[in-house]
Amino acid sequence: MNSAASLLDPASNPTTYVIAVLNLYGELPDTPPRTNPQDQRQARSWFDRGVSLTVVEAALLLASLRRVRPHGIPPLPRIRSLAYFQPVIEELLENPVPEGYVQYLRVKLRHSVDTAKSAGVQNSTFSRDR
């Protein structure tokens, strides 16, 4: 790989890796609209440890899915830090996910977010009729 390509490869460039992790984090439900320096340090520590972006993405998706609550159950408090996902990173480093599992998690989370949004629209629609 030439030097220009390696600058864009998250596996070999800490800045690109951190940006990729923070983008994944920012796309999740219940995360802050902006990251902070602590989040950047957390992402950099994963780069320094050699945690692949696939493991990070799987951990973020899996932890987010674990937070999904059935309709009528109060939601959990919002996630305030990327450090929230550290235990799931450790779990996945000890027990790697099978090939294709990250894609499954993406679809599953998208479905649960869409379901929650449609339930919220139905609730607000019906509550106005009362």
N, C-alpha and C. Protein backbone atom coordinates (compact mmCIF):
# COMPACT_ATOMS: atom_id res chain seq x y z
N MET A 1 0.86 -1.18 0.00
CA MET A 1 0.00 0.00 0.00
C MET A 1 0.90 1.24 0.00
N ASN A 2 0.60 2.20 -0.85
CA ASN A 2 1.44 3.39 -0.90
C ASN A 2 1.10 4.31 0.28
N SER A 3 1.92 5.29 0.52
CA SER A 3 1.76 6.15 1.70
C SER A 3 0.45 6.93 1.67
N ALA A 4 -0.01 7.35 0.51
CA ALA A 4 -1.27 8.09 0.43
C ALA A 4 -2.44 7.20 0.82
N ALA A 5 -2.43 5.96 0.36
CA ALA A 5 -3.52 5.03 0.71
C ALA A 5 -3.48 4.68 2.19
N SER A 6 -2.29 4.56 2.76
CA SER A 6 -2.21 4.20 4.18
C SER A 6 -2.73 5.33 5.07
N LEU A 7 -2.68 6.57 4.58
CA LEU A 7 -3.24 7.67 5.36
C LEU A 7 -4.75 7.54 5.52
N LEU A 8 -5.40 6.91 4.57
CA LEU A 8 -6.85 6.75 4.60
C LEU A 8 -7.29 5.44 5.21
N ASP A 9 -6.36 4.55 5.49
CA ASP A 9 -6.69 3.25 6.06
C ASP A 9 -6.79 3.36 7.58
N PRO A 10 -8.00 3.19 8.13
CA PRO A 10 -8.17 3.32 9.58
C PRO A 10 -7.30 2.36 10.38
N ALA A 11 -6.97 1.22 9.81
CA ALA A 11 -6.16 0.24 10.54
C ALA A 11 -4.72 0.72 10.74
N SER A 12 -4.26 1.65 9.89
CA SER A 12 -2.88 2.11 10.01
C SER A 12 -2.74 3.60 10.33
N ASN A 13 -3.86 4.29 10.45
CA ASN A 13 -3.80 5.72 10.72
C ASN A 13 -4.70 6.05 11.91
N PRO A 14 -4.09 6.47 13.03
CA PRO A 14 -4.90 6.72 14.23
C PRO A 14 -5.96 7.80 14.05
N THR A 15 -5.65 8.84 13.31
CA THR A 15 -6.63 9.91 13.12
C THR A 15 -7.84 9.41 12.35
N THR A 16 -7.60 8.67 11.28
CA THR A 16 -8.70 8.12 10.49
C THR A 16 -9.52 7.13 11.31
N TYR A 17 -8.84 6.32 12.11
CA TYR A 17 -9.51 5.34 12.98
C TYR A 17 -10.42 6.06 13.98
N VAL A 18 -9.89 7.06 14.65
CA VAL A 18 -10.67 7.80 15.66
C VAL A 18 -11.89 8.45 15.00
N ILE A 19 -11.70 9.05 13.85
CA ILE A 19 -12.83 9.68 13.14
C ILE A 19 -13.88 8.62 12.79
N ALA A 20 -13.44 7.47 12.32
CA ALA A 20 -14.38 6.40 11.96
C ALA A 20 -15.16 5.93 13.18
N VAL A 21 -14.48 5.75 14.31
CA VAL A 21 -15.15 5.31 15.54
C VAL A 21 -16.15 6.37 15.99
N LEU A 22 -15.74 7.61 16.00
CA LEU A 22 -16.64 8.68 16.45
C LEU A 22 -17.84 8.84 15.52
N ASN A 23 -17.66 8.60 14.23
CA ASN A 23 -18.79 8.63 13.30
C ASN A 23 -19.77 7.50 13.59
N LEU A 24 -19.24 6.31 13.83
CA LEU A 24 -20.11 5.18 14.19
C LEU A 24 -20.89 5.49 15.46
N TYR A 25 -20.21 6.02 16.44
CA TYR A 25 -20.81 6.37 17.73
C TYR A 25 -21.91 7.41 17.56
N GLY A 26 -21.64 8.41 16.75
CA GLY A 26 -22.61 9.49 16.54
C GLY A 26 -23.86 9.06 15.79
N GLU A 27 -23.79 7.97 15.06
CA GLU A 27 -24.94 7.48 14.31
C GLU A 27 -25.89 6.64 15.16
N LEU A 28 -25.47 6.30 16.35
CA LEU A 28 -26.30 5.43 17.21
C LEU A 28 -27.41 6.22 17.89
N PRO A 29 -28.50 5.52 18.21
CA PRO A 29 -29.54 6.19 19.01
C PRO A 29 -29.03 6.40 20.43
N ASP A 30 -29.52 7.41 21.09
CA ASP A 30 -29.22 7.69 22.50
C ASP A 30 -27.78 8.11 22.78
N THR A 31 -27.06 8.58 21.76
CA THR A 31 -25.72 9.10 21.99
C THR A 31 -25.75 10.62 21.85
N PRO A 32 -24.77 11.30 22.45
CA PRO A 32 -24.75 12.77 22.38
C PRO A 32 -24.57 13.27 20.95
N PRO A 33 -25.06 14.46 20.67
CA PRO A 33 -24.89 15.02 19.32
C PRO A 33 -23.43 15.36 19.00
N ARG A 34 -22.62 15.58 20.02
CA ARG A 34 -21.20 15.89 19.83
C ARG A 34 -20.35 15.00 20.71
N THR A 35 -19.17 14.70 20.22
CA THR A 35 -18.23 13.93 21.04
C THR A 35 -17.37 14.91 21.84
N ASN A 36 -16.61 14.35 22.76
CA ASN A 36 -15.75 15.18 23.58
C ASN A 36 -14.33 14.60 23.57
N PRO A 37 -13.38 15.30 24.16
CA PRO A 37 -12.00 14.81 24.16
C PRO A 37 -11.85 13.43 24.82
N GLN A 38 -12.66 13.15 25.82
CA GLN A 38 -12.60 11.84 26.47
C GLN A 38 -12.99 10.74 25.47
N ASP A 39 -13.99 10.99 24.65
CA ASP A 39 -14.39 10.02 23.62
C ASP A 39 -13.26 9.81 22.62
N GLN A 40 -12.60 10.88 22.24
CA GLN A 40 -11.47 10.78 21.32
C GLN A 40 -10.34 9.95 21.93
N ARG A 41 -10.07 10.16 23.21
CA ARG A 41 -9.03 9.37 23.89
C ARG A 41 -9.41 7.89 23.96
N GLN A 42 -10.70 7.63 24.20
CA GLN A 42 -11.17 6.24 24.26
C GLN A 42 -10.97 5.55 22.92
N ALA A 43 -11.36 6.22 21.85
CA ALA A 43 -11.19 5.65 20.51
C ALA A 43 -9.71 5.44 20.21
N ARG A 44 -8.88 6.39 20.58
CA ARG A 44 -7.43 6.25 20.34
C ARG A 44 -6.86 5.08 21.13
N SER A 45 -7.37 4.86 22.33
CA SER A 45 -6.86 3.73 23.13
C SER A 45 -7.20 2.40 22.46
N TRP A 46 -8.37 2.33 21.80
CA TRP A 46 -8.71 1.11 21.08
C TRP A 46 -7.79 0.92 19.87
N PHE A 47 -7.46 2.02 19.19
CA PHE A 47 -6.51 1.93 18.08
C PHE A 47 -5.17 1.42 18.60
N ASP A 48 -4.69 2.00 19.70
CA ASP A 48 -3.39 1.63 20.26
C ASP A 48 -3.37 0.16 20.68
N ARG A 49 -4.50 -0.37 21.10
CA ARG A 49 -4.60 -1.78 21.50
C ARG A 49 -4.80 -2.70 20.31
N GLY A 50 -5.02 -2.14 19.13
CA GLY A 50 -5.22 -2.95 17.94
C GLY A 50 -6.62 -3.51 17.78
N VAL A 51 -7.60 -2.86 18.42
CA VAL A 51 -9.00 -3.30 18.28
C VAL A 51 -9.48 -2.90 16.90
N SER A 52 -9.93 -3.87 16.13
CA SER A 52 -10.36 -3.59 14.76
C SER A 52 -11.65 -2.77 14.75
N LEU A 53 -11.85 -2.05 13.66
CA LEU A 53 -13.10 -1.29 13.51
C LEU A 53 -14.31 -2.22 13.47
N THR A 54 -14.12 -3.43 12.98
CA THR A 54 -15.22 -4.39 12.95
C THR A 54 -15.66 -4.75 14.37
N VAL A 55 -14.70 -4.95 15.26
CA VAL A 55 -15.02 -5.25 16.66
C VAL A 55 -15.69 -4.05 17.31
N VAL A 56 -15.17 -2.86 17.05
CA VAL A 56 -15.76 -1.64 17.63
C VAL A 56 -17.20 -1.48 17.15
N GLU A 57 -17.41 -1.61 15.85
CA GLU A 57 -18.77 -1.45 15.32
C GLU A 57 -19.70 -2.51 15.90
N ALA A 58 -19.25 -3.75 15.98
CA ALA A 58 -20.08 -4.81 16.55
C ALA A 58 -20.42 -4.48 18.00
N ALA A 59 -19.47 -3.99 18.76
CA ALA A 59 -19.71 -3.65 20.17
C ALA A 59 -20.71 -2.51 20.30
N LEU A 60 -20.57 -1.48 19.48
CA LEU A 60 -21.50 -0.35 19.54
C LEU A 60 -22.92 -0.79 19.17
N LEU A 61 -23.03 -1.58 18.13
CA LEU A 61 -24.35 -2.04 17.70
C LEU A 61 -24.97 -2.98 18.73
N LEU A 62 -24.18 -3.91 19.22
CA LEU A 62 -24.69 -4.89 20.18
C LEU A 62 -25.14 -4.21 21.47
N ALA A 63 -24.34 -3.31 21.99
CA ALA A 63 -24.71 -2.59 23.21
C ALA A 63 -25.97 -1.75 23.00
N SER A 64 -26.08 -1.14 21.83
CA SER A 64 -27.27 -0.34 21.53
C SER A 64 -28.51 -1.22 21.45
N LEU A 65 -28.38 -2.38 20.85
CA LEU A 65 -29.51 -3.30 20.77
C LEU A 65 -29.92 -3.81 22.15
N ARG A 66 -28.97 -4.00 23.01
CA ARG A 66 -29.27 -4.46 24.37
C ARG A 66 -30.05 -3.42 25.16
N ARG A 67 -30.00 -2.19 24.73
CA ARG A 67 -30.71 -1.11 25.42
C ARG A 67 -32.17 -0.97 24.97
N VAL A 68 -32.53 -1.63 23.89
CA VAL A 68 -33.89 -1.51 23.35
C VAL A 68 -34.88 -2.07 24.37
N ARG A 69 -35.91 -1.29 24.64
CA ARG A 69 -36.93 -1.68 25.61
C ARG A 69 -38.25 -1.91 24.89
N PRO A 70 -39.03 -2.86 25.38
CA PRO A 70 -40.36 -3.07 24.79
C PRO A 70 -41.23 -1.83 24.95
N HIS A 71 -42.20 -1.72 24.07
CA HIS A 71 -43.14 -0.60 24.12
C HIS A 71 -43.78 -0.54 25.51
N GLY A 72 -43.84 0.64 26.07
CA GLY A 72 -44.45 0.83 27.39
C GLY A 72 -43.45 0.80 28.54
N ILE A 73 -42.25 0.33 28.30
CA ILE A 73 -41.20 0.31 29.33
C ILE A 73 -40.39 1.59 29.16
N PRO A 74 -40.17 2.32 30.26
CA PRO A 74 -39.40 3.58 30.14
C PRO A 74 -38.01 3.33 29.55
N PRO A 75 -37.54 4.23 28.71
CA PRO A 75 -36.21 4.06 28.11
C PRO A 75 -35.11 4.26 29.16
N LEU A 76 -33.97 3.70 28.86
CA LEU A 76 -32.79 3.91 29.71
C LEU A 76 -32.27 5.33 29.50
N PRO A 77 -31.49 5.85 30.45
CA PRO A 77 -30.90 7.18 30.24
C PRO A 77 -29.99 7.17 29.01
N ARG A 78 -29.82 8.34 28.42
CA ARG A 78 -28.96 8.46 27.24
C ARG A 78 -27.53 8.07 27.56
N ILE A 79 -26.83 7.59 26.57
CA ILE A 79 -25.41 7.26 26.69
C ILE A 79 -24.64 8.58 26.68
N ARG A 80 -23.70 8.73 27.60
CA ARG A 80 -22.98 10.00 27.69
C ARG A 80 -21.53 9.92 27.24
N SER A 81 -21.03 8.69 27.04
CA SER A 81 -19.62 8.56 26.73
C SER A 81 -19.34 7.29 25.94
N LEU A 82 -18.35 7.35 25.10
CA LEU A 82 -17.91 6.18 24.35
C LEU A 82 -17.41 5.09 25.30
N ALA A 83 -16.98 5.46 26.47
CA ALA A 83 -16.50 4.48 27.46
C ALA A 83 -17.61 3.50 27.86
N TYR A 84 -18.86 3.86 27.65
CA TYR A 84 -19.99 2.98 27.94
C TYR A 84 -19.81 1.63 27.24
N PHE A 85 -19.17 1.64 26.08
CA PHE A 85 -19.05 0.45 25.26
C PHE A 85 -17.83 -0.42 25.58
N GLN A 86 -16.97 0.05 26.48
CA GLN A 86 -15.74 -0.68 26.79
C GLN A 86 -15.99 -2.12 27.24
N PRO A 87 -16.95 -2.39 28.13
CA PRO A 87 -17.18 -3.79 28.52
C PRO A 87 -17.58 -4.69 27.35
N VAL A 88 -18.30 -4.15 26.40
CA VAL A 88 -18.72 -4.96 25.25
C VAL A 88 -17.53 -5.20 24.32
N ILE A 89 -16.65 -4.22 24.21
CA ILE A 89 -15.40 -4.42 23.45
C ILE A 89 -14.65 -5.61 24.05
N GLU A 90 -14.49 -5.61 25.36
CA GLU A 90 -13.77 -6.70 26.03
C GLU A 90 -14.46 -8.04 25.80
N GLU A 91 -15.78 -8.04 25.88
CA GLU A 91 -16.56 -9.26 25.64
C GLU A 91 -16.31 -9.81 24.24
N LEU A 92 -16.31 -8.92 23.25
CA LEU A 92 -16.13 -9.37 21.88
C LEU A 92 -14.69 -9.74 21.56
N LEU A 93 -13.74 -9.17 22.27
CA LEU A 93 -12.35 -9.59 22.09
C LEU A 93 -12.16 -11.01 22.62
N GLU A 94 -12.87 -11.35 23.68
CA GLU A 94 -12.80 -12.71 24.24
C GLU A 94 -13.63 -13.70 23.44
N ASN A 95 -14.75 -13.24 22.87
CA ASN A 95 -15.67 -14.09 22.12
C ASN A 95 -16.01 -13.41 20.80
N PRO A 96 -15.16 -13.54 19.79
CA PRO A 96 -15.39 -12.85 18.52
C PRO A 96 -16.72 -13.26 17.87
N VAL A 97 -17.30 -12.30 17.16
CA VAL A 97 -18.56 -12.55 16.47
C VAL A 97 -18.28 -13.26 15.15
N PRO A 98 -19.25 -14.05 14.68
CA PRO A 98 -19.05 -14.74 13.40
C PRO A 98 -19.10 -13.78 12.22
N GLU A 99 -18.57 -14.22 11.12
CA GLU A 99 -18.59 -13.46 9.87
C GLU A 99 -20.04 -13.08 9.53
N GLY A 100 -20.27 -11.85 9.15
CA GLY A 100 -21.61 -11.41 8.76
C GLY A 100 -22.47 -10.93 9.91
N TYR A 101 -22.00 -11.07 11.13
CA TYR A 101 -22.81 -10.70 12.29
C TYR A 101 -23.00 -9.19 12.40
N VAL A 102 -22.00 -8.42 12.02
CA VAL A 102 -22.11 -6.96 12.09
C VAL A 102 -23.23 -6.49 11.15
N GLN A 103 -23.30 -7.07 9.97
CA GLN A 103 -24.38 -6.70 9.04
C GLN A 103 -25.74 -7.03 9.66
N TYR A 104 -25.85 -8.19 10.29
CA TYR A 104 -27.09 -8.57 10.98
C TYR A 104 -27.44 -7.54 12.06
N LEU A 105 -26.44 -7.13 12.85
CA LEU A 105 -26.69 -6.15 13.91
C LEU A 105 -27.14 -4.82 13.34
N ARG A 106 -26.55 -4.40 12.22
CA ARG A 106 -26.96 -3.14 11.58
C ARG A 106 -28.45 -3.18 11.21
N VAL A 107 -28.85 -4.27 10.58
CA VAL A 107 -30.25 -4.42 10.15
C VAL A 107 -31.17 -4.47 11.36
N LYS A 108 -30.77 -5.22 12.37
CA LYS A 108 -31.59 -5.37 13.57
C LYS A 108 -31.77 -4.02 14.28
N LEU A 109 -30.70 -3.25 14.42
CA LEU A 109 -30.81 -1.94 15.08
C LEU A 109 -31.65 -0.99 14.25
N ARG A 110 -31.46 -0.98 12.94
CA ARG A 110 -32.26 -0.11 12.07
C ARG A 110 -33.74 -0.45 12.22
N HIS A 111 -34.05 -1.74 12.26
CA HIS A 111 -35.44 -2.17 12.43
C HIS A 111 -36.00 -1.72 13.77
N SER A 112 -35.24 -1.87 14.84
CA SER A 112 -35.75 -1.49 16.16
C SER A 112 -35.92 0.02 16.29
N VAL A 113 -35.04 0.79 15.66
CA VAL A 113 -35.18 2.25 15.68
C VAL A 113 -36.42 2.65 14.88
N ASP A 114 -36.61 2.04 13.71
CA ASP A 114 -37.80 2.34 12.90
C ASP A 114 -39.08 1.97 13.63
N THR A 115 -39.07 0.83 14.31
CA THR A 115 -40.23 0.39 15.08
C THR A 115 -40.53 1.36 16.21
N ALA A 116 -39.50 1.80 16.91
CA ALA A 116 -39.69 2.75 18.01
C ALA A 116 -40.24 4.07 17.49
N LYS A 117 -39.74 4.53 16.35
CA LYS A 117 -40.23 5.79 15.78
C LYS A 117 -41.69 5.67 15.40
N SER A 118 -42.07 4.55 14.77
CA SER A 118 -43.47 4.40 14.37
C SER A 118 -44.37 4.27 15.59
N ALA A 119 -43.91 3.63 16.66
CA ALA A 119 -44.71 3.53 17.89
C ALA A 119 -44.87 4.91 18.51
N GLY A 120 -43.82 5.72 18.46
CA GLY A 120 -43.89 7.08 19.00
C GLY A 120 -44.86 7.94 18.22
N VAL A 121 -44.90 7.78 16.91
CA VAL A 121 -45.84 8.53 16.07
C VAL A 121 -47.26 8.10 16.39
N GLN A 122 -47.50 6.79 16.54
CA GLN A 122 -48.82 6.30 16.87
C GLN A 122 -49.26 6.82 18.23
N ASN A 123 -48.36 6.78 19.22
CA ASN A 123 -48.71 7.27 20.55
C ASN A 123 -49.06 8.75 20.52
N SER A 124 -48.25 9.55 19.84
CA SER A 124 -48.53 10.98 19.82
C SER A 124 -49.81 11.27 19.05
N THR A 125 -50.08 10.51 18.01
CA THR A 125 -51.30 10.70 17.23
C THR A 125 -52.53 10.38 18.08
N PHE A 126 -52.49 9.25 18.77
CA PHE A 126 -53.65 8.85 19.56
C PHE A 126 -53.81 9.71 20.80
N SER A 127 -52.71 10.16 21.37
CA SER A 127 -52.81 10.97 22.58
C SER A 127 -53.46 12.33 22.29
N ARG A 128 -53.33 12.83 21.08
CA ARG A 128 -53.95 14.10 20.73
C ARG A 128 -55.48 13.96 20.59
N ASP A 129 -55.94 12.74 20.30
CA ASP A 129 -57.37 12.53 20.13
C ASP A 129 -58.12 12.49 21.44
N ARG A 130 -57.43 12.34 22.53
CA ARG A 130 -58.09 12.17 23.82
C ARG A 130 -58.68 13.41 24.37
